[in-house]
């Protein structure tokens, strides 16, 4: 066989193996953990740092209360939190 053909064959095999190893590393390092994080744990996956993080409501950080019940229910649903029971108004709140 021609030496150039043999060399090209080895180059193509090497490129193919590097590509396969790259795909396997990406699957094991990023794709599979991201799927587990988002689907099973209902959290957010950060591809840059490879971290499964718990989403936080802005109202939890700022202390501002979401006054619209529908918006609060949607926000809690998006985070995977159960809907908080609505407290009955107290006597002090009625005055």
N, C-alpha and C. Protein backbone atom coordinates (compact mmCIF):
# COMPACT_ATOMS: atom_id res chain seq x y z
N UNK A 1 0.85 -1.17 0.00
CA UNK A 1 0.00 0.00 0.00
C UNK A 1 0.89 1.24 0.00
N UNK A 2 0.42 2.29 -0.60
CA UNK A 2 1.16 3.54 -0.69
C UNK A 2 1.37 4.12 0.72
N UNK A 3 2.51 4.69 0.99
CA UNK A 3 2.83 5.24 2.31
C UNK A 3 1.92 6.43 2.65
N UNK A 4 1.55 7.23 1.65
CA UNK A 4 0.67 8.37 1.90
C UNK A 4 -0.72 7.92 2.33
N UNK A 5 -1.22 6.86 1.72
CA UNK A 5 -2.53 6.34 2.10
C UNK A 5 -2.50 5.79 3.52
N UNK A 6 -1.42 5.11 3.86
CA UNK A 6 -1.28 4.58 5.22
C UNK A 6 -1.24 5.72 6.25
N UNK A 7 -0.53 6.77 5.94
CA UNK A 7 -0.42 7.92 6.84
C UNK A 7 -1.78 8.61 6.97
N UNK A 8 -2.50 8.81 5.85
CA UNK A 8 -3.83 9.42 5.91
C UNK A 8 -4.80 8.57 6.72
N UNK A 9 -4.69 7.26 6.57
CA UNK A 9 -5.56 6.36 7.33
C UNK A 9 -5.32 6.55 8.83
N UNK A 10 -4.08 6.63 9.25
CA UNK A 10 -3.77 6.81 10.67
C UNK A 10 -4.22 8.18 11.17
N UNK A 11 -4.10 9.20 10.32
CA UNK A 11 -4.56 10.54 10.72
C UNK A 11 -6.07 10.55 10.92
N UNK A 12 -6.82 9.95 10.00
CA UNK A 12 -8.28 9.90 10.13
C UNK A 12 -8.71 9.09 11.35
N UNK A 13 -8.03 8.01 11.63
CA UNK A 13 -8.35 7.20 12.81
C UNK A 13 -8.09 8.00 14.08
N UNK A 14 -6.97 8.74 14.11
CA UNK A 14 -6.63 9.55 15.28
C UNK A 14 -7.66 10.67 15.49
N UNK A 15 -8.06 11.34 14.41
CA UNK A 15 -9.06 12.40 14.53
C UNK A 15 -10.39 11.83 15.00
N UNK A 16 -10.78 10.68 14.47
CA UNK A 16 -12.02 10.04 14.89
C UNK A 16 -11.98 9.68 16.37
N UNK A 17 -10.87 9.12 16.84
CA UNK A 17 -10.77 8.75 18.26
C UNK A 17 -10.82 9.98 19.17
N UNK A 18 -10.17 11.06 18.76
CA UNK A 18 -10.20 12.29 19.57
C UNK A 18 -11.63 12.83 19.62
N UNK A 19 -12.35 12.79 18.50
CA UNK A 19 -13.73 13.26 18.48
C UNK A 19 -14.63 12.40 19.37
N UNK A 20 -14.45 11.09 19.32
CA UNK A 20 -15.26 10.19 20.16
C UNK A 20 -14.97 10.42 21.64
N UNK A 21 -13.71 10.58 21.98
CA UNK A 21 -13.35 10.84 23.38
C UNK A 21 -13.93 12.18 23.83
N UNK A 22 -13.90 13.19 22.96
CA UNK A 22 -14.50 14.49 23.29
C UNK A 22 -15.99 14.40 23.54
N UNK A 23 -16.69 13.64 22.73
CA UNK A 23 -18.14 13.47 22.91
C UNK A 23 -18.43 12.73 24.21
N UNK A 24 -17.66 11.71 24.52
CA UNK A 24 -17.86 10.96 25.76
C UNK A 24 -17.62 11.85 26.98
N UNK A 25 -16.55 12.64 26.95
CA UNK A 25 -16.25 13.55 28.07
C UNK A 25 -17.38 14.55 28.23
N UNK A 26 -17.88 15.11 27.11
CA UNK A 26 -18.96 16.08 27.20
C UNK A 26 -20.23 15.44 27.77
N UNK A 27 -20.55 14.23 27.33
CA UNK A 27 -21.74 13.55 27.83
C UNK A 27 -21.64 13.26 29.32
N UNK A 28 -20.51 12.72 29.74
CA UNK A 28 -20.34 12.34 31.15
C UNK A 28 -20.16 13.57 32.05
N UNK A 29 -19.47 14.58 31.54
CA UNK A 29 -19.17 15.74 32.37
C UNK A 29 -20.25 16.80 32.41
N UNK A 30 -21.02 16.96 31.32
CA UNK A 30 -22.00 18.04 31.26
C UNK A 30 -23.42 17.57 30.96
N UNK A 31 -23.63 16.78 29.94
CA UNK A 31 -24.99 16.46 29.50
C UNK A 31 -25.75 15.59 30.50
N UNK A 32 -25.15 14.53 30.98
CA UNK A 32 -25.83 13.63 31.92
C UNK A 32 -26.10 14.32 33.26
N UNK A 33 -25.11 15.01 33.87
CA UNK A 33 -25.42 15.73 35.11
C UNK A 33 -26.46 16.83 34.93
N UNK A 34 -26.45 17.50 33.78
CA UNK A 34 -27.45 18.55 33.53
C UNK A 34 -28.84 17.95 33.47
N UNK A 35 -28.99 16.83 32.81
CA UNK A 35 -30.30 16.18 32.72
C UNK A 35 -30.78 15.73 34.09
N UNK A 36 -29.89 15.15 34.90
CA UNK A 36 -30.28 14.74 36.25
C UNK A 36 -30.69 15.93 37.09
N UNK A 37 -29.95 17.02 36.97
CA UNK A 37 -30.22 18.22 37.77
C UNK A 37 -31.57 18.82 37.39
N UNK A 38 -31.80 19.00 36.11
CA UNK A 38 -33.01 19.68 35.67
C UNK A 38 -34.25 18.80 35.74
N UNK A 39 -34.14 17.55 35.38
CA UNK A 39 -35.32 16.68 35.32
C UNK A 39 -35.66 16.05 36.67
N UNK A 40 -34.67 15.52 37.37
CA UNK A 40 -34.94 14.78 38.60
C UNK A 40 -35.00 15.68 39.83
N UNK A 41 -34.08 16.66 39.92
CA UNK A 41 -34.00 17.48 41.12
C UNK A 41 -34.73 18.81 40.96
N UNK A 42 -35.16 19.15 39.75
CA UNK A 42 -35.86 20.40 39.46
C UNK A 42 -35.06 21.61 39.91
N UNK A 43 -33.79 21.60 39.59
CA UNK A 43 -32.91 22.73 39.89
C UNK A 43 -32.34 23.26 38.59
N UNK A 44 -31.46 24.25 38.69
CA UNK A 44 -30.86 24.86 37.51
C UNK A 44 -29.43 24.40 37.37
N UNK A 45 -29.02 24.05 36.15
CA UNK A 45 -27.67 23.57 35.86
C UNK A 45 -26.86 24.72 35.28
N UNK A 46 -25.70 24.97 35.85
CA UNK A 46 -24.77 26.00 35.36
C UNK A 46 -23.68 25.29 34.58
N UNK A 47 -23.68 25.45 33.24
CA UNK A 47 -22.70 24.76 32.40
C UNK A 47 -21.29 25.28 32.63
N UNK A 48 -21.14 26.55 32.93
CA UNK A 48 -19.81 27.13 33.11
C UNK A 48 -19.07 26.54 34.30
N UNK A 49 -19.77 26.42 35.42
CA UNK A 49 -19.13 25.91 36.64
C UNK A 49 -19.54 24.48 36.96
N UNK A 50 -20.42 23.90 36.14
CA UNK A 50 -20.92 22.54 36.33
C UNK A 50 -21.49 22.36 37.74
N UNK A 51 -22.44 23.24 38.09
CA UNK A 51 -23.04 23.24 39.42
C UNK A 51 -24.55 23.11 39.28
N UNK A 52 -25.14 22.28 40.12
CA UNK A 52 -26.59 22.16 40.19
C UNK A 52 -27.06 23.08 41.32
N UNK A 53 -27.73 24.18 40.96
CA UNK A 53 -28.05 25.22 41.94
C UNK A 53 -29.55 25.29 42.20
N UNK A 54 -29.89 25.65 43.41
CA UNK A 54 -31.28 25.85 43.80
C UNK A 54 -31.70 27.25 43.38
N UNK A 55 -32.76 27.39 42.57
CA UNK A 55 -33.23 28.72 42.21
C UNK A 55 -33.83 29.42 43.42
N UNK A 56 -33.69 30.73 43.45
CA UNK A 56 -34.16 31.52 44.58
C UNK A 56 -35.08 32.61 44.04
N UNK A 57 -36.19 32.82 44.70
CA UNK A 57 -37.08 33.92 44.33
C UNK A 57 -36.41 35.25 44.67
N UNK A 58 -36.58 36.22 43.82
CA UNK A 58 -36.03 37.56 44.09
C UNK A 58 -36.63 38.11 45.37
N UNK A 59 -37.90 37.80 45.63
CA UNK A 59 -38.54 38.30 46.84
C UNK A 59 -37.89 37.71 48.10
N UNK A 60 -37.28 36.52 47.99
CA UNK A 60 -36.57 35.95 49.14
C UNK A 60 -35.31 36.75 49.45
N UNK A 61 -34.68 37.30 48.43
CA UNK A 61 -33.44 38.05 48.61
C UNK A 61 -33.73 39.48 49.06
N UNK A 62 -34.66 40.13 48.39
CA UNK A 62 -34.91 41.55 48.66
C UNK A 62 -35.85 41.79 49.83
N UNK A 63 -36.65 40.79 50.17
CA UNK A 63 -37.62 40.97 51.23
C UNK A 63 -38.93 41.57 50.75
N UNK A 64 -39.00 41.91 49.47
CA UNK A 64 -40.23 42.45 48.91
C UNK A 64 -41.21 41.30 48.71
N UNK A 65 -42.44 41.52 49.05
CA UNK A 65 -43.45 40.47 48.99
C UNK A 65 -44.19 40.57 47.65
N UNK A 66 -44.43 39.44 47.03
CA UNK A 66 -45.24 39.39 45.83
C UNK A 66 -46.70 39.46 46.29
N UNK A 67 -47.37 40.55 45.95
CA UNK A 67 -48.74 40.75 46.46
C UNK A 67 -49.79 40.07 45.60
N UNK A 68 -49.53 39.88 44.35
CA UNK A 68 -50.50 39.23 43.46
C UNK A 68 -50.45 37.72 43.70
N UNK A 69 -51.57 37.15 44.10
CA UNK A 69 -51.61 35.73 44.44
C UNK A 69 -51.29 34.84 43.23
N UNK A 70 -51.77 35.24 42.06
CA UNK A 70 -51.52 34.45 40.86
C UNK A 70 -50.03 34.48 40.52
N UNK A 71 -49.40 35.64 40.62
CA UNK A 71 -47.97 35.76 40.34
C UNK A 71 -47.15 34.97 41.35
N UNK A 72 -47.55 35.00 42.61
CA UNK A 72 -46.85 34.24 43.65
C UNK A 72 -46.97 32.75 43.40
N UNK A 73 -48.16 32.29 43.02
CA UNK A 73 -48.35 30.86 42.73
C UNK A 73 -47.51 30.43 41.53
N UNK A 74 -47.45 31.27 40.50
CA UNK A 74 -46.64 30.95 39.31
C UNK A 74 -45.16 30.92 39.66
N UNK A 75 -44.70 31.86 40.49
CA UNK A 75 -43.30 31.89 40.88
C UNK A 75 -42.94 30.65 41.69
N UNK A 76 -43.79 30.28 42.61
CA UNK A 76 -43.52 29.08 43.41
C UNK A 76 -43.56 27.82 42.55
N UNK A 77 -44.47 27.77 41.60
CA UNK A 77 -44.56 26.62 40.70
C UNK A 77 -43.30 26.50 39.85
N UNK A 78 -42.79 27.63 39.38
CA UNK A 78 -41.58 27.63 38.56
C UNK A 78 -40.38 27.13 39.34
N UNK A 79 -40.35 27.36 40.64
CA UNK A 79 -39.23 26.91 41.47
C UNK A 79 -39.44 25.51 42.03
N UNK A 80 -40.64 24.97 41.86
CA UNK A 80 -40.90 23.64 42.38
C UNK A 80 -41.28 23.64 43.84
N UNK A 81 -41.65 24.80 44.37
CA UNK A 81 -42.08 24.89 45.77
C UNK A 81 -43.59 24.69 45.84
N UNK A 82 -44.05 24.10 46.92
CA UNK A 82 -45.51 23.97 47.06
C UNK A 82 -46.12 25.34 47.36
N UNK A 83 -47.37 25.47 46.99
CA UNK A 83 -48.06 26.73 47.25
C UNK A 83 -48.22 26.91 48.75
N UNK A 84 -47.89 28.10 49.23
CA UNK A 84 -47.99 28.39 50.66
C UNK A 84 -49.46 28.62 51.00
N UNK A 85 -49.89 28.12 52.14
CA UNK A 85 -51.28 28.34 52.53
C UNK A 85 -51.50 29.82 52.83
N UNK A 86 -52.66 30.32 52.45
CA UNK A 86 -52.99 31.72 52.69
C UNK A 86 -53.46 31.84 54.12
N UNK A 87 -52.82 32.73 54.88
CA UNK A 87 -53.17 32.92 56.29
C UNK A 87 -54.42 33.79 56.38
N UNK A 88 -55.26 33.49 57.37
CA UNK A 88 -56.46 34.29 57.61
C UNK A 88 -56.03 35.63 58.20
N UNK A 89 -56.71 36.70 57.83
CA UNK A 89 -56.35 38.01 58.39
C UNK A 89 -56.58 38.03 59.89
N UNK A 90 -55.69 38.70 60.59
CA UNK A 90 -55.80 38.79 62.05
C UNK A 90 -56.64 39.99 62.42
N UNK A 91 -56.98 40.11 63.69
CA UNK A 91 -57.78 41.23 64.17
C UNK A 91 -57.03 42.54 64.01
N UNK A 92 -55.72 42.53 64.19
CA UNK A 92 -54.92 43.75 64.04
C UNK A 92 -54.90 44.21 62.59
N UNK A 93 -54.93 43.28 61.66
CA UNK A 93 -54.89 43.64 60.24
C UNK A 93 -56.23 44.23 59.79
N UNK A 94 -57.34 43.87 60.44
CA UNK A 94 -58.65 44.38 60.06
C UNK A 94 -58.82 45.84 60.46
N UNK A 95 -58.14 46.28 61.52
CA UNK A 95 -58.29 47.67 62.00
C UNK A 95 -57.53 48.59 61.16
